[in-house]
Protein backbone atom coordinates (compact mmCIF):
# COMPACT_ATOMS: atom_id res chain seq x y z
CA MET A 1 0.00 0.00 0.00
CA SER A 2 1.37 3.42 -0.95
CA SER A 3 1.97 6.15 1.57
CA THR A 4 -0.77 8.20 -0.09
CA SER A 5 -3.28 5.40 0.33
CA ARG A 6 -2.30 4.94 3.99
CA ASN A 7 -2.57 8.65 4.66
CA LEU A 8 -6.03 8.84 3.09
CA ALA A 9 -7.43 5.76 4.78
CA GLY A 10 -11.08 6.42 5.61
CA LEU A 11 -11.48 9.07 2.95
CA SER A 12 -13.43 8.30 -0.19
CA GLY A 13 -15.50 9.86 -2.92
CA VAL A 14 -15.43 13.59 -3.52
CA ALA A 15 -13.38 14.37 -0.41
CA ARG A 16 -10.64 11.95 -1.45
CA ARG A 17 -10.54 13.33 -5.00
CA LEU A 18 -10.19 16.89 -3.73
CA VAL A 19 -7.30 15.92 -1.45
CA LEU A 20 -5.54 14.01 -4.24
CA ASP A 21 -5.97 16.99 -6.57
CA GLY A 22 -4.55 19.36 -3.96
CA ASP A 23 -7.83 21.30 -3.69
CA LEU A 24 -8.53 20.37 -0.06
CA SER A 25 -6.29 19.59 2.89
CA GLU A 26 -6.55 16.15 4.45
CA GLU A 27 -7.39 17.72 7.80
CA ASP A 28 -10.25 19.78 6.33
CA ALA A 29 -11.45 16.75 4.40
CA ARG A 30 -11.70 14.56 7.50
CA ARG A 31 -13.37 17.34 9.44
CA ALA A 32 -15.87 17.87 6.62
CA VAL A 33 -16.70 14.17 6.37
CA GLU A 34 -17.34 13.97 10.11
CA ALA A 35 -19.36 17.19 10.29
CA SER A 36 -21.50 16.38 7.25
CA ALA A 37 -22.34 12.98 8.73
CA LYS A 38 -23.39 14.57 12.02
CA GLN A 39 -25.51 17.19 10.25
CA ARG A 40 -26.93 14.59 7.86
CA VAL A 41 -26.05 16.57 4.77
CA SER A 42 -24.04 15.47 1.77
CA ILE A 43 -20.31 16.12 1.70
CA ILE A 44 -20.81 18.22 -1.44
CA SER A 45 -23.35 20.49 0.24
CA TYR A 46 -21.15 20.84 3.31
CA LEU A 47 -18.06 21.74 1.29
CA VAL A 48 -19.98 24.30 -0.77
CA GLU A 49 -21.79 25.91 2.15
CA ASN A 50 -18.62 26.21 4.23
CA ALA A 51 -16.37 27.28 1.34
CA LEU A 52 -13.69 24.72 2.20
CA SER A 53 -12.70 24.36 -1.44
CA LYS A 54 -13.22 26.32 -4.63
CA PRO A 55 -16.74 25.76 -6.03
CA SER A 56 -15.27 24.86 -9.43
CA SER A 57 -13.02 22.24 -7.81
CA VAL A 58 -15.90 20.68 -5.88
CA ALA A 59 -18.03 20.55 -9.02
CA ARG A 60 -15.22 18.97 -11.06
CA ALA A 61 -14.60 16.32 -8.40
CA ALA A 62 -18.32 15.54 -8.11
CA SER A 63 -18.61 15.26 -11.89
CA LEU A 64 -15.80 12.69 -12.01
CA GLU A 65 -17.07 10.81 -8.97
CA PHE A 66 -20.69 10.44 -10.07
CA GLY A 67 -20.37 10.56 -13.84
CA VAL A 68 -22.61 13.62 -14.12
CA PRO A 69 -21.70 16.12 -16.87
CA LEU A 70 -20.25 19.46 -15.78
CA PHE A 71 -21.91 22.42 -17.46
CA ASP A 72 -21.04 26.10 -17.93
CA PRO A 73 -24.32 28.08 -18.07
CA SER A 74 -22.75 31.37 -19.17
CA GLY A 75 -23.73 30.88 -22.82
CA LEU A 76 -27.40 30.17 -22.15
CA ASP A 77 -30.25 32.30 -23.47
CA PHE A 78 -31.92 32.74 -20.09
CA ALA A 79 -35.16 34.03 -21.60
CA GLN A 80 -35.62 30.68 -23.36
CA LEU A 81 -35.04 28.37 -20.39
CA PRO A 82 -37.98 26.06 -19.50
CA ALA A 83 -38.21 27.74 -16.09
CA ARG A 84 -42.00 27.62 -16.02
CA LEU A 85 -41.95 23.83 -15.92
CA VAL A 86 -40.74 24.02 -12.32
CA ASP A 87 -42.46 25.84 -9.49
CA GLU A 88 -40.55 28.95 -8.42
CA ARG A 89 -40.56 27.76 -4.82
CA LEU A 90 -38.77 24.54 -5.79
CA ILE A 91 -36.22 26.45 -7.85
CA GLU A 92 -35.48 28.70 -4.88
CA LYS A 93 -35.62 25.91 -2.29
CA HIS A 94 -33.27 23.54 -4.10
CA ARG A 95 -31.29 26.09 -6.12
CA ALA A 96 -32.10 24.21 -9.30
CA LEU A 97 -31.74 25.66 -12.81
CA PRO A 98 -34.03 24.16 -15.48
CA ILE A 99 -31.72 24.15 -18.51
CA PHE A 100 -33.60 22.41 -21.31
CA LYS A 101 -36.10 19.67 -21.98
CA ARG A 102 -35.87 16.89 -24.49
CA GLY A 103 -39.02 14.88 -24.95
CA ASN A 104 -40.20 13.95 -21.46
CA ARG A 105 -36.81 14.63 -19.88
CA LEU A 106 -35.98 17.81 -18.03
CA PHE A 107 -32.30 18.60 -17.51
CA VAL A 108 -31.71 20.57 -14.32
CA GLY A 109 -28.52 22.27 -13.20
CA VAL A 110 -27.57 21.65 -9.55
CA THR A 111 -24.46 21.78 -7.37
CA ASP A 112 -25.20 18.45 -5.69
CA PRO A 113 -26.37 15.55 -7.90
CA THR A 114 -26.80 13.36 -4.80
CA ASN A 115 -29.70 15.48 -3.56
CA ASP A 116 -32.35 12.89 -4.43
CA ARG A 117 -35.06 14.76 -2.55
CA ALA A 118 -34.68 17.81 -4.79
CA LEU A 119 -34.77 15.72 -7.96
CA GLU A 120 -37.80 13.75 -6.79
CA GLU A 121 -39.76 16.88 -5.84
CA ILE A 122 -39.04 18.48 -9.21
CA LYS A 123 -39.97 15.24 -10.97
CA PHE A 124 -43.27 15.01 -9.07
CA GLN A 125 -44.20 18.65 -9.71
CA SER A 126 -43.15 18.81 -13.37
CA LYS A 127 -44.36 15.28 -14.21
CA MET A 128 -41.15 14.78 -16.19
CA LEU A 129 -38.07 12.61 -15.83
CA VAL A 130 -35.37 14.76 -14.26
CA GLU A 131 -31.69 14.49 -15.20
CA PRO A 132 -29.14 16.37 -13.05
CA ILE A 133 -26.36 18.42 -14.63
CA LEU A 134 -23.55 19.77 -12.47
CA ILE A 135 -22.89 23.49 -12.22
CA ASP A 136 -20.43 24.99 -9.77
CA GLU A 137 -21.87 27.14 -6.98
CA ASP A 138 -20.63 30.50 -8.25
CA SER A 139 -21.86 29.89 -11.80
CA LEU A 140 -25.21 28.60 -10.55
CA THR A 141 -25.75 31.69 -8.40
CA ARG A 142 -25.14 33.98 -11.38
CA ALA A 143 -27.30 31.83 -13.66
CA LEU A 144 -30.25 31.81 -11.26
CA GLU A 145 -30.06 35.60 -10.96
CA GLN A 146 -29.96 35.99 -14.74
CA MET A 147 -32.85 33.58 -15.20
CA GLN A 148 -34.94 35.45 -12.65
CA ALA A 149 -34.24 38.74 -14.39
CA ALA A 150 -35.09 37.29 -17.79
CA THR A 151 -38.35 35.65 -16.74
CA SER A 152 -39.64 38.31 -14.34
CA THR A 153 -41.22 40.38 -17.12
CA GLU A 154 -44.86 39.38 -16.80
CA ILE A 155 -47.86 40.87 -18.49
CA GLU A 156 -48.34 44.12 -16.60
CA GLY A 157 -51.60 45.91 -16.08
CA MET A 158 -53.56 43.24 -17.89
CA ASP A 159 -56.21 42.61 -15.27
CA ASP A 160 -57.28 46.24 -15.14
CA ALA A 161 -56.08 46.91 -18.72
CA GLU A 162 -56.40 50.63 -18.85
CA GLY A 163 -59.95 51.15 -17.70
CA LEU A 164 -61.60 47.90 -18.76
CA GLU A 165 -63.68 47.81 -15.58
CA ASP A 166 -65.26 51.15 -16.48
CA LEU A 167 -66.21 50.15 -20.01
CA ASP A 168 -69.96 50.07 -20.65
CA VAL A 169 -70.70 46.80 -22.44
CA GLY A 170 -74.48 47.05 -22.64
CA ASP A 171 -77.00 44.32 -21.94
CA ALA A 172 -76.15 40.66 -22.31
CA GLY A 173 -79.38 40.26 -24.22
CA ASP A 174 -77.84 42.06 -27.18
CA ASP A 175 -75.64 39.07 -27.96
CA GLU A 176 -78.13 37.21 -30.12
CA GLY A 177 -78.83 40.23 -32.25
CA ALA A 178 -75.30 41.47 -32.63
CA GLY A 179 -74.75 42.33 -36.24
CA GLY A 180 -71.69 42.07 -38.41
CA GLY A 181 -69.25 44.87 -38.93
CA VAL A 182 -66.46 46.59 -37.09
CA ASP A 183 -68.65 48.55 -34.70
CA ALA A 184 -70.26 45.41 -33.32
CA SER A 185 -66.83 43.96 -32.68
CA GLY A 186 -65.98 46.74 -30.32
CA ALA A 187 -63.78 48.69 -32.72
CA ASP A 188 -64.73 51.78 -30.75
CA ASP A 189 -63.93 49.98 -27.48
CA THR A 190 -60.32 51.08 -27.50
CA PRO A 191 -59.47 49.40 -24.15
CA VAL A 192 -60.70 46.03 -25.48
CA VAL A 193 -58.69 46.46 -28.68
CA ARG A 194 -55.60 47.37 -26.66
CA PHE A 195 -56.16 44.42 -24.34
CA VAL A 196 -56.44 41.88 -27.16
CA ASN A 197 -53.43 43.31 -28.98
CA LYS A 198 -51.39 43.25 -25.77
CA VAL A 199 -52.27 39.61 -25.14
CA LEU A 200 -51.18 38.61 -28.65
CA VAL A 201 -47.91 40.54 -28.50
CA ASP A 202 -47.04 39.31 -25.01
CA ALA A 203 -47.75 35.71 -26.03
CA ILE A 204 -45.24 36.09 -28.86
CA LYS A 205 -42.64 37.69 -26.59
CA ARG A 206 -42.96 34.93 -24.02
CA GLY A 207 -42.70 32.12 -26.54
CA ALA A 208 -46.22 30.75 -26.04
CA SER A 209 -47.53 28.20 -28.52
CA ASP A 210 -51.24 28.77 -27.80
CA ILE A 211 -53.52 31.39 -26.24
CA HIS A 212 -56.77 30.39 -24.51
CA PHE A 213 -59.60 32.91 -24.02
CA GLU A 214 -62.06 31.26 -21.61
CA PRO A 215 -65.42 32.59 -20.33
CA TYR A 216 -66.94 31.19 -17.13
CA GLU A 217 -70.01 32.04 -15.07
CA SER A 218 -68.34 34.52 -12.74
CA ASN A 219 -64.90 35.11 -14.26
CA TYR A 220 -62.94 35.28 -17.49
CA ARG A 221 -59.52 33.73 -17.89
CA VAL A 222 -56.67 34.08 -20.38
CA ARG A 223 -54.01 31.39 -20.43
CA PHE A 224 -50.78 30.84 -22.38
CA ARG A 225 -49.34 27.44 -23.17
CA MET A 226 -45.61 27.74 -22.54
CA ASP A 227 -43.21 24.80 -22.59
CA GLY A 228 -46.23 22.55 -22.97
CA ILE A 229 -47.98 23.79 -19.81
CA LEU A 230 -50.97 26.15 -19.57
CA ARG A 231 -50.45 29.17 -17.32
CA ALA A 232 -53.08 31.76 -16.36
CA VAL A 233 -51.86 35.25 -17.28
CA ALA A 234 -54.88 37.54 -17.06
CA GLY A 235 -58.44 37.81 -15.77
CA PRO A 236 -60.35 40.67 -17.40
CA PRO A 237 -63.91 41.48 -16.25
CA VAL A 238 -66.34 38.72 -17.21
CA LYS A 239 -68.77 41.32 -18.60
CA LEU A 240 -66.31 41.84 -21.46
CA SER A 241 -66.55 38.25 -22.63
CA ALA A 242 -68.73 38.99 -25.68
CA ARG A 243 -66.67 42.04 -26.68
CA ILE A 244 -63.38 40.13 -26.52
CA SER A 245 -64.86 37.28 -28.57
CA SER A 246 -66.24 39.69 -31.16
CA ARG A 247 -62.92 41.49 -31.45
CA LEU A 248 -61.05 38.23 -32.04
CA LYS A 249 -63.64 37.01 -34.56
CA VAL A 250 -63.48 40.21 -36.59
CA MET A 251 -59.67 40.06 -36.61
CA SER A 252 -59.85 36.48 -37.94
CA GLY A 253 -62.60 37.09 -40.50
CA LEU A 254 -65.26 35.01 -38.74
CA ASP A 255 -69.01 35.58 -38.49
CA ILE A 256 -69.49 37.46 -35.22
CA ALA A 257 -73.25 36.79 -35.26
CA GLU A 258 -72.71 33.01 -35.22
CA ARG A 259 -72.21 31.83 -31.65
CA ARG A 260 -73.77 28.38 -31.73
CA VAL A 261 -71.33 26.40 -33.88
CA PRO A 262 -67.52 26.21 -33.94
CA GLN A 263 -65.63 28.36 -36.44
CA ASP A 264 -62.06 28.39 -37.70
CA GLY A 265 -60.13 31.39 -38.96
CA ARG A 266 -56.76 33.06 -39.15
CA ILE A 267 -55.24 36.31 -37.90
CA LYS A 268 -52.25 38.04 -39.46
CA LEU A 269 -50.68 40.44 -36.97
CA ASN A 270 -48.21 42.96 -38.38
CA LEU A 271 -45.56 43.57 -35.74
CA SER A 272 -43.52 45.90 -37.94
CA LYS A 273 -43.02 46.77 -41.60
CA THR A 274 -40.91 43.67 -42.09
CA LYS A 275 -42.26 41.17 -39.55
CA SER A 276 -45.68 39.62 -39.10
CA MET A 277 -47.11 36.68 -37.19
CA ASP A 278 -50.01 34.39 -38.04
CA PHE A 279 -52.49 32.89 -35.59
CA ARG A 280 -54.81 29.97 -36.28
CA VAL A 281 -58.13 30.68 -34.56
CA SER A 282 -60.67 28.15 -33.29
CA THR A 283 -63.93 29.03 -31.54
CA CYS A 284 -66.08 26.64 -29.53
CA PRO A 285 -69.46 27.48 -27.92
CA THR A 286 -69.51 26.73 -24.19
CA LEU A 287 -72.08 27.14 -21.44
CA PHE A 288 -71.04 30.72 -20.68
CA GLY A 289 -69.87 31.97 -24.06
CA GLU A 290 -67.35 31.18 -26.75
CA LYS A 291 -64.00 29.77 -25.82
CA ILE A 292 -61.42 30.88 -28.36
CA VAL A 293 -58.02 29.29 -28.81
CA LEU A 294 -55.26 30.83 -30.91
CA ARG A 295 -52.31 28.76 -32.15
CA ILE A 296 -49.27 30.93 -32.84
CA LEU A 297 -47.75 30.14 -36.23
CA ASP A 298 -44.22 31.51 -36.31
CA GLY A 299 -42.94 31.35 -39.87
CA SER A 300 -39.43 32.17 -38.71
CA ALA A 301 -39.43 29.03 -36.57
CA ALA A 302 -39.32 26.94 -39.71
CA LYS A 303 -36.02 28.56 -40.63
CA LEU A 304 -34.31 26.92 -37.68
CA GLY A 305 -31.56 24.52 -38.65
CA ILE A 306 -31.54 20.89 -37.65
CA ASP A 307 -29.03 21.70 -34.90
CA LYS A 308 -31.57 23.98 -33.19
CA LEU A 309 -34.17 21.21 -32.73
CA GLY A 310 -32.45 19.72 -29.68
CA TYR A 311 -31.68 16.31 -31.14
CA GLU A 312 -28.70 14.32 -29.98
CA ASP A 313 -26.23 13.35 -32.72
CA GLU A 314 -27.67 9.87 -33.15
CA GLN A 315 -31.25 11.15 -33.26
CA LYS A 316 -30.31 13.90 -35.70
CA GLN A 317 -28.72 11.44 -38.11
CA LEU A 318 -31.73 9.12 -37.94
CA PHE A 319 -34.03 12.04 -38.74
CA LEU A 320 -31.88 13.24 -41.64
CA ASP A 321 -31.64 9.71 -43.04
CA ALA A 322 -35.41 9.30 -42.80
CA ILE A 323 -36.29 12.48 -44.69
CA ALA A 324 -33.62 11.74 -47.30
CA ASN A 325 -35.34 8.50 -48.36
CA PRO A 326 -37.07 8.79 -51.77
CA TYR A 327 -40.17 7.09 -50.39
CA GLY A 328 -41.71 6.08 -47.07
CA MET A 329 -43.42 7.77 -44.15
CA VAL A 330 -42.16 9.76 -41.19
CA LEU A 331 -44.48 9.99 -38.18
CA VAL A 332 -43.92 12.94 -35.85
CA THR A 333 -45.82 12.59 -32.59
CA GLY A 334 -45.87 14.37 -29.26
CA PRO A 335 -47.96 16.54 -26.91
CA THR A 336 -49.01 20.11 -27.59
CA GLY A 337 -46.05 22.47 -27.81
CA SER A 338 -43.45 19.71 -28.15
CA GLY A 339 -42.17 20.94 -31.52
CA LYS A 340 -43.95 18.75 -34.06
CA THR A 341 -44.78 21.60 -36.44
CA VAL A 342 -41.31 23.14 -36.28
CA SER A 343 -39.70 19.73 -36.83
CA LEU A 344 -41.78 19.05 -39.94
CA TYR A 345 -41.29 22.48 -41.48
CA THR A 346 -37.57 22.34 -40.73
CA ALA A 347 -37.46 19.03 -42.61
CA LEU A 348 -39.24 20.68 -45.54
CA ASN A 349 -36.72 23.52 -45.51
CA ILE A 350 -33.85 21.03 -45.62
CA LEU A 351 -35.40 19.29 -48.63
CA ASN A 352 -36.48 22.53 -50.32
CA THR A 353 -33.98 23.03 -53.15
CA GLU A 354 -34.33 24.32 -56.69
CA SER A 355 -33.84 20.81 -58.08
CA ARG A 356 -36.83 19.34 -56.22
CA ASN A 357 -40.57 19.57 -56.82
CA ILE A 358 -42.21 19.32 -53.39
CA SER A 359 -45.96 19.36 -52.75
CA THR A 360 -47.79 19.10 -49.44
CA VAL A 361 -51.41 18.70 -48.45
CA GLU A 362 -52.08 20.15 -45.03
CA ASP A 363 -54.95 20.80 -42.66
CA PRO A 364 -54.35 23.58 -42.01
CA VAL A 365 -51.35 25.16 -43.72
CA GLU A 366 -49.65 26.52 -40.60
CA ILE A 367 -46.52 28.07 -42.09
CA ARG A 368 -46.13 29.26 -45.66
CA VAL A 369 -42.87 28.05 -47.22
CA PRO A 370 -41.70 29.72 -50.47
CA GLY A 371 -40.68 27.14 -53.05
CA ILE A 372 -43.06 24.43 -51.82
CA ASN A 373 -46.50 23.81 -53.35
CA GLN A 374 -48.75 23.78 -50.30
CA VAL A 375 -52.36 22.64 -50.64
CA GLN A 376 -55.05 23.34 -48.05
CA GLN A 377 -57.30 20.33 -47.45
CA ASN A 378 -60.99 21.23 -47.97
CA ALA A 379 -63.27 18.20 -47.77
CA LYS A 380 -66.45 20.25 -48.36
CA ARG A 381 -65.20 21.18 -51.82
CA GLY A 382 -63.78 17.79 -52.64
CA MET A 383 -60.16 18.64 -51.91
CA THR A 384 -59.44 15.69 -49.64
CA PHE A 385 -56.06 14.22 -48.84
CA ALA A 386 -56.75 11.40 -51.30
CA ALA A 387 -57.74 13.82 -54.08
CA ALA A 388 -54.63 15.91 -53.50
CA LEU A 389 -52.34 12.88 -53.57
CA ARG A 390 -53.87 11.69 -56.86
CA SER A 391 -53.27 15.13 -58.33
CA PHE A 392 -49.69 15.22 -57.06
CA LEU A 393 -48.87 12.05 -59.01
CA ARG A 394 -49.57 13.97 -62.23
CA GLN A 395 -47.49 16.95 -61.12
CA ASP A 396 -44.04 15.41 -61.71
CA PRO A 397 -43.21 15.09 -57.99
CA ASP A 398 -39.82 14.18 -56.55
């Protein structure tokens, strides 16, 4: 037995690695092991909390000891982190940084990968499989502060939305006789117009995939679906339910007088002279009014490269091989907001070259792609998927 082994008898794991690397004295290591056992905390937590070794050294030793990858969060886009998948109280309690999600897996940055309680609580709350990623204490502190700053911008003033409570909406009995036209939609109800526009713009800024406008007996709720989870963001006065619905229906070219059957439409919102955003609109009559759901169709999302989809190298190659086949079928499945649409349109962009003739039949066409012949399915007029496919065969397809 070497002198080093004899000297370090009784030391193991992270403490032993730190001593061998010269990042912790043997005396401090033994004291830390004994104290952490008495306090019933992990050696990693004890070393970090008592600053007995550099945070970067502790993280490196823990990474080697437990086979958990060490991560530098400095290059993250903190506004895009899946922070809303984890309750703020759990993030603060366990000092956990949600980094990214892949399928049903959530990768969380922590200083102590042996903290099973933290991982289990996050798993239970998020309903996802949780994978720990090591971040040193100093980097994690900065990252959590940056994430909080990036995600703290909530929709402000939405519940009172510049005088909405004072708006005279008339009698509820007028609903059945509401006529078509801009005036009936509340075009003169400037606060309602501002409210709806603000909701749409804020949904885009916050990366929502869907917006839900929901009337109930005694309240009205607006929710965003972000990172696959619905979150309530506003509660305007319930008396404005009909006006909000009418405004959205006029914007999407729907019949505002028809409230008894579902309708589908589309909104094109011009954000600037060079940028616009489309919304797919679906209305559904409910007991207390029309529920309206908007799906945000971001054309720029389809311009993402394959490397931005979050695939691992093996998955990426399988996907590229699949779409490169001259025939066959690729099934893309997953829950709402998981990236199905972006994945498919990214695949189309990869295949979209001058030498190829590409045709699609879609229901609906969510993103318009220059260079691809996109057909909207319309069963009422005979344009079914089968009819489109028969036509494509005569269109010299690749």
